[in-house]
Amino acid sequence: MVQAIINLGEHEDRILNILKGKFGLKNKSDAVNLVIEKYGEEFLEPELRPEYVNKLKKIKRQKGKQFKSVYGLKKHIENAKV
């Protein structure tokens, strides 16, 4: 475990005290850890699995069929095999 001395303003100190009470935490250190945990989840993006990256690349390479009109699209949908 790493220990750190931090300087907090009055407002930040109040916020940590509120978090302590709201979540039933033992001390301000637990409150700081909670804030870091919550913020870290939102801020840091998880790494994408390589399989998913490959799947995205395949989708990007695919070319869709182009239609000259809505009528052509409708005709294509009606004649599509299920």
N, C-alpha and C. Protein backbone atom coordinates (compact mmCIF):
# COMPACT_ATOMS: atom_id res chain seq x y z
N MET A 1 0.84 -1.17 0.00
CA MET A 1 0.00 0.00 0.00
C MET A 1 0.89 1.24 0.00
N VAL A 2 0.49 2.20 -0.80
CA VAL A 2 1.22 3.45 -0.90
C VAL A 2 0.55 4.49 0.00
N GLN A 3 1.36 5.25 0.71
CA GLN A 3 0.82 6.31 1.54
C GLN A 3 1.18 7.64 0.92
N ALA A 4 0.25 8.59 1.04
CA ALA A 4 0.49 9.91 0.47
C ALA A 4 -0.10 10.97 1.39
N ILE A 5 0.57 12.09 1.44
CA ILE A 5 0.04 13.24 2.17
C ILE A 5 -0.53 14.17 1.12
N ILE A 6 -1.81 14.52 1.28
CA ILE A 6 -2.44 15.40 0.30
C ILE A 6 -3.03 16.61 1.02
N ASN A 7 -3.04 17.73 0.33
CA ASN A 7 -3.63 18.95 0.86
C ASN A 7 -5.02 19.11 0.25
N LEU A 8 -6.02 19.23 1.09
CA LEU A 8 -7.39 19.40 0.64
C LEU A 8 -7.90 20.76 1.05
N GLY A 9 -8.72 21.32 0.19
CA GLY A 9 -9.40 22.55 0.55
C GLY A 9 -10.59 22.22 1.44
N GLU A 10 -11.20 23.24 1.98
CA GLU A 10 -12.33 23.04 2.89
C GLU A 10 -13.49 22.34 2.17
N HIS A 11 -13.75 22.75 0.95
CA HIS A 11 -14.85 22.16 0.17
C HIS A 11 -14.61 20.67 -0.10
N GLU A 12 -13.39 20.34 -0.51
CA GLU A 12 -13.04 18.95 -0.80
C GLU A 12 -13.14 18.09 0.45
N ASP A 13 -12.72 18.66 1.58
CA ASP A 13 -12.80 17.95 2.86
C ASP A 13 -14.25 17.64 3.21
N ARG A 14 -15.13 18.59 2.97
CA ARG A 14 -16.56 18.37 3.24
C ARG A 14 -17.12 17.27 2.36
N ILE A 15 -16.72 17.28 1.10
CA ILE A 15 -17.19 16.25 0.17
C ILE A 15 -16.76 14.87 0.65
N LEU A 16 -15.51 14.74 1.08
CA LEU A 16 -15.04 13.44 1.58
C LEU A 16 -15.82 13.02 2.82
N ASN A 17 -16.12 13.96 3.71
CA ASN A 17 -16.90 13.63 4.90
C ASN A 17 -18.31 13.17 4.53
N ILE A 18 -18.90 13.81 3.53
CA ILE A 18 -20.24 13.40 3.07
C ILE A 18 -20.19 11.99 2.48
N LEU A 19 -19.17 11.73 1.68
CA LEU A 19 -19.02 10.40 1.10
C LEU A 19 -18.82 9.34 2.18
N LYS A 20 -18.02 9.69 3.18
CA LYS A 20 -17.82 8.76 4.30
C LYS A 20 -19.15 8.37 4.91
N GLY A 21 -19.98 9.35 5.19
CA GLY A 21 -21.27 9.09 5.82
C GLY A 21 -22.23 8.35 4.90
N LYS A 22 -22.28 8.78 3.65
CA LYS A 22 -23.24 8.20 2.71
C LYS A 22 -22.95 6.73 2.44
N PHE A 23 -21.68 6.37 2.31
CA PHE A 23 -21.31 5.00 1.97
C PHE A 23 -20.83 4.20 3.18
N GLY A 24 -20.88 4.78 4.36
CA GLY A 24 -20.48 4.07 5.58
C GLY A 24 -19.00 3.69 5.60
N LEU A 25 -18.17 4.60 5.14
CA LEU A 25 -16.73 4.33 5.09
C LEU A 25 -16.09 4.66 6.43
N LYS A 26 -14.94 4.02 6.69
CA LYS A 26 -14.27 4.18 7.98
C LYS A 26 -13.48 5.48 8.08
N ASN A 27 -12.85 5.87 6.96
CA ASN A 27 -12.00 7.06 7.01
C ASN A 27 -11.96 7.76 5.65
N LYS A 28 -11.27 8.88 5.62
CA LYS A 28 -11.19 9.66 4.39
C LYS A 28 -10.38 8.94 3.31
N SER A 29 -9.47 8.11 3.73
CA SER A 29 -8.69 7.34 2.76
C SER A 29 -9.61 6.44 1.94
N ASP A 30 -10.58 5.81 2.61
CA ASP A 30 -11.54 4.98 1.91
C ASP A 30 -12.38 5.82 0.95
N ALA A 31 -12.72 7.03 1.37
CA ALA A 31 -13.51 7.93 0.53
C ALA A 31 -12.71 8.34 -0.72
N VAL A 32 -11.44 8.63 -0.54
CA VAL A 32 -10.59 8.98 -1.68
C VAL A 32 -10.49 7.79 -2.63
N ASN A 33 -10.32 6.60 -2.08
CA ASN A 33 -10.24 5.40 -2.92
C ASN A 33 -11.53 5.18 -3.70
N LEU A 34 -12.67 5.45 -3.07
CA LEU A 34 -13.96 5.31 -3.75
C LEU A 34 -14.06 6.28 -4.93
N VAL A 35 -13.67 7.52 -4.70
CA VAL A 35 -13.72 8.53 -5.77
C VAL A 35 -12.81 8.12 -6.92
N ILE A 36 -11.62 7.66 -6.61
CA ILE A 36 -10.67 7.24 -7.64
C ILE A 36 -11.22 6.06 -8.43
N GLU A 37 -11.83 5.11 -7.73
CA GLU A 37 -12.41 3.94 -8.38
C GLU A 37 -13.50 4.34 -9.36
N LYS A 38 -14.44 5.18 -8.90
CA LYS A 38 -15.55 5.61 -9.74
C LYS A 38 -15.05 6.43 -10.92
N TYR A 39 -14.14 7.34 -10.68
CA TYR A 39 -13.63 8.20 -11.74
C TYR A 39 -12.83 7.38 -12.74
N GLY A 40 -12.06 6.43 -12.24
CA GLY A 40 -11.24 5.60 -13.11
C GLY A 40 -12.07 4.79 -14.08
N GLU A 41 -13.22 4.29 -13.63
CA GLU A 41 -14.09 3.52 -14.50
C GLU A 41 -14.62 4.36 -15.65
N GLU A 42 -14.94 5.61 -15.38
CA GLU A 42 -15.49 6.49 -16.40
C GLU A 42 -14.41 7.08 -17.30
N PHE A 43 -13.27 7.35 -16.73
CA PHE A 43 -12.22 8.06 -17.45
C PHE A 43 -11.40 7.14 -18.34
N LEU A 44 -11.00 6.01 -17.81
CA LEU A 44 -10.15 5.09 -18.55
C LEU A 44 -11.00 4.17 -19.41
N GLU A 45 -10.64 4.04 -20.65
CA GLU A 45 -11.36 3.15 -21.55
C GLU A 45 -10.73 1.76 -21.45
N PRO A 46 -11.58 0.75 -21.38
CA PRO A 46 -11.02 -0.61 -21.34
C PRO A 46 -10.42 -0.97 -22.69
N GLU A 47 -9.45 -1.82 -22.67
CA GLU A 47 -8.82 -2.28 -23.90
C GLU A 47 -9.79 -3.19 -24.65
N LEU A 48 -9.81 -3.05 -25.96
CA LEU A 48 -10.66 -3.92 -26.76
C LEU A 48 -9.95 -5.25 -27.00
N ARG A 49 -10.73 -6.31 -26.96
CA ARG A 49 -10.17 -7.63 -27.23
C ARG A 49 -9.72 -7.69 -28.69
N PRO A 50 -8.62 -8.37 -28.98
CA PRO A 50 -8.12 -8.45 -30.36
C PRO A 50 -9.15 -9.04 -31.32
N GLU A 51 -9.96 -10.01 -30.85
CA GLU A 51 -10.96 -10.61 -31.73
C GLU A 51 -11.97 -9.55 -32.17
N TYR A 52 -12.34 -8.68 -31.24
CA TYR A 52 -13.32 -7.64 -31.54
C TYR A 52 -12.73 -6.62 -32.52
N VAL A 53 -11.48 -6.28 -32.34
CA VAL A 53 -10.81 -5.34 -33.25
C VAL A 53 -10.79 -5.92 -34.66
N ASN A 54 -10.47 -7.22 -34.76
CA ASN A 54 -10.45 -7.87 -36.08
C ASN A 54 -11.84 -7.88 -36.71
N LYS A 55 -12.86 -8.12 -35.90
CA LYS A 55 -14.24 -8.13 -36.39
C LYS A 55 -14.62 -6.74 -36.92
N LEU A 56 -14.23 -5.69 -36.20
CA LEU A 56 -14.51 -4.33 -36.65
C LEU A 56 -13.81 -4.03 -37.99
N LYS A 57 -12.59 -4.50 -38.14
CA LYS A 57 -11.85 -4.27 -39.38
C LYS A 57 -12.55 -4.96 -40.55
N LYS A 58 -13.05 -6.18 -40.32
CA LYS A 58 -13.77 -6.90 -41.37
C LYS A 58 -15.04 -6.15 -41.77
N ILE A 59 -15.75 -5.63 -40.80
CA ILE A 59 -16.98 -4.90 -41.09
C ILE A 59 -16.67 -3.65 -41.91
N LYS A 60 -15.58 -2.97 -41.59
CA LYS A 60 -15.21 -1.75 -42.32
C LYS A 60 -14.89 -2.05 -43.79
N ARG A 61 -14.31 -3.24 -44.04
CA ARG A 61 -13.93 -3.60 -45.41
C ARG A 61 -15.13 -4.00 -46.26
N GLN A 62 -16.22 -4.40 -45.62
CA GLN A 62 -17.39 -4.83 -46.38
C GLN A 62 -18.01 -3.65 -47.10
N LYS A 63 -18.51 -3.93 -48.28
CA LYS A 63 -19.19 -2.90 -49.04
C LYS A 63 -20.65 -3.31 -49.18
N GLY A 64 -21.52 -2.40 -48.91
CA GLY A 64 -22.93 -2.67 -49.03
C GLY A 64 -23.42 -2.44 -50.45
N LYS A 65 -24.59 -2.93 -50.72
CA LYS A 65 -25.19 -2.74 -52.04
C LYS A 65 -25.80 -1.35 -52.09
N GLN A 66 -25.58 -0.65 -53.18
CA GLN A 66 -26.12 0.69 -53.33
C GLN A 66 -27.36 0.66 -54.20
N PHE A 67 -28.30 1.49 -53.86
CA PHE A 67 -29.56 1.57 -54.59
C PHE A 67 -29.72 2.97 -55.15
N LYS A 68 -30.31 3.03 -56.36
CA LYS A 68 -30.52 4.33 -57.00
C LYS A 68 -31.75 5.04 -56.47
N SER A 69 -32.67 4.24 -55.89
CA SER A 69 -33.90 4.84 -55.39
C SER A 69 -34.46 4.00 -54.25
N VAL A 70 -35.42 4.55 -53.56
CA VAL A 70 -36.10 3.84 -52.49
C VAL A 70 -36.86 2.66 -53.08
N TYR A 71 -37.38 2.85 -54.28
CA TYR A 71 -38.11 1.78 -54.95
C TYR A 71 -37.20 0.57 -55.16
N GLY A 72 -35.96 0.81 -55.59
CA GLY A 72 -35.01 -0.29 -55.79
C GLY A 72 -34.72 -1.02 -54.49
N LEU A 73 -34.58 -0.30 -53.40
CA LEU A 73 -34.35 -0.91 -52.09
C LEU A 73 -35.55 -1.75 -51.68
N LYS A 74 -36.74 -1.19 -51.87
CA LYS A 74 -37.98 -1.90 -51.51
C LYS A 74 -38.10 -3.20 -52.32
N LYS A 75 -37.80 -3.13 -53.60
CA LYS A 75 -37.86 -4.31 -54.46
C LYS A 75 -36.86 -5.37 -53.99
N HIS A 76 -35.67 -4.93 -53.63
CA HIS A 76 -34.64 -5.85 -53.15
C HIS A 76 -35.08 -6.55 -51.85
N ILE A 77 -35.68 -5.79 -50.95
CA ILE A 77 -36.14 -6.36 -49.68
C ILE A 77 -37.26 -7.36 -49.90
N GLU A 78 -38.18 -7.02 -50.79
CA GLU A 78 -39.31 -7.93 -51.06
C GLU A 78 -38.86 -9.23 -51.69
N ASN A 79 -37.79 -9.20 -52.48
CA ASN A 79 -37.31 -10.40 -53.16
C ASN A 79 -36.24 -11.15 -52.37
N ALA A 80 -35.90 -10.64 -51.20
CA ALA A 80 -34.84 -11.28 -50.39
C ALA A 80 -35.32 -12.61 -49.86
N LYS A 81 -34.41 -13.56 -49.83
CA LYS A 81 -34.72 -14.88 -49.28
C LYS A 81 -34.52 -14.86 -47.79
N VAL A 82 -35.44 -15.47 -47.08
CA VAL A 82 -35.38 -15.47 -45.62
C VAL A 82 -34.62 -16.67 -45.13
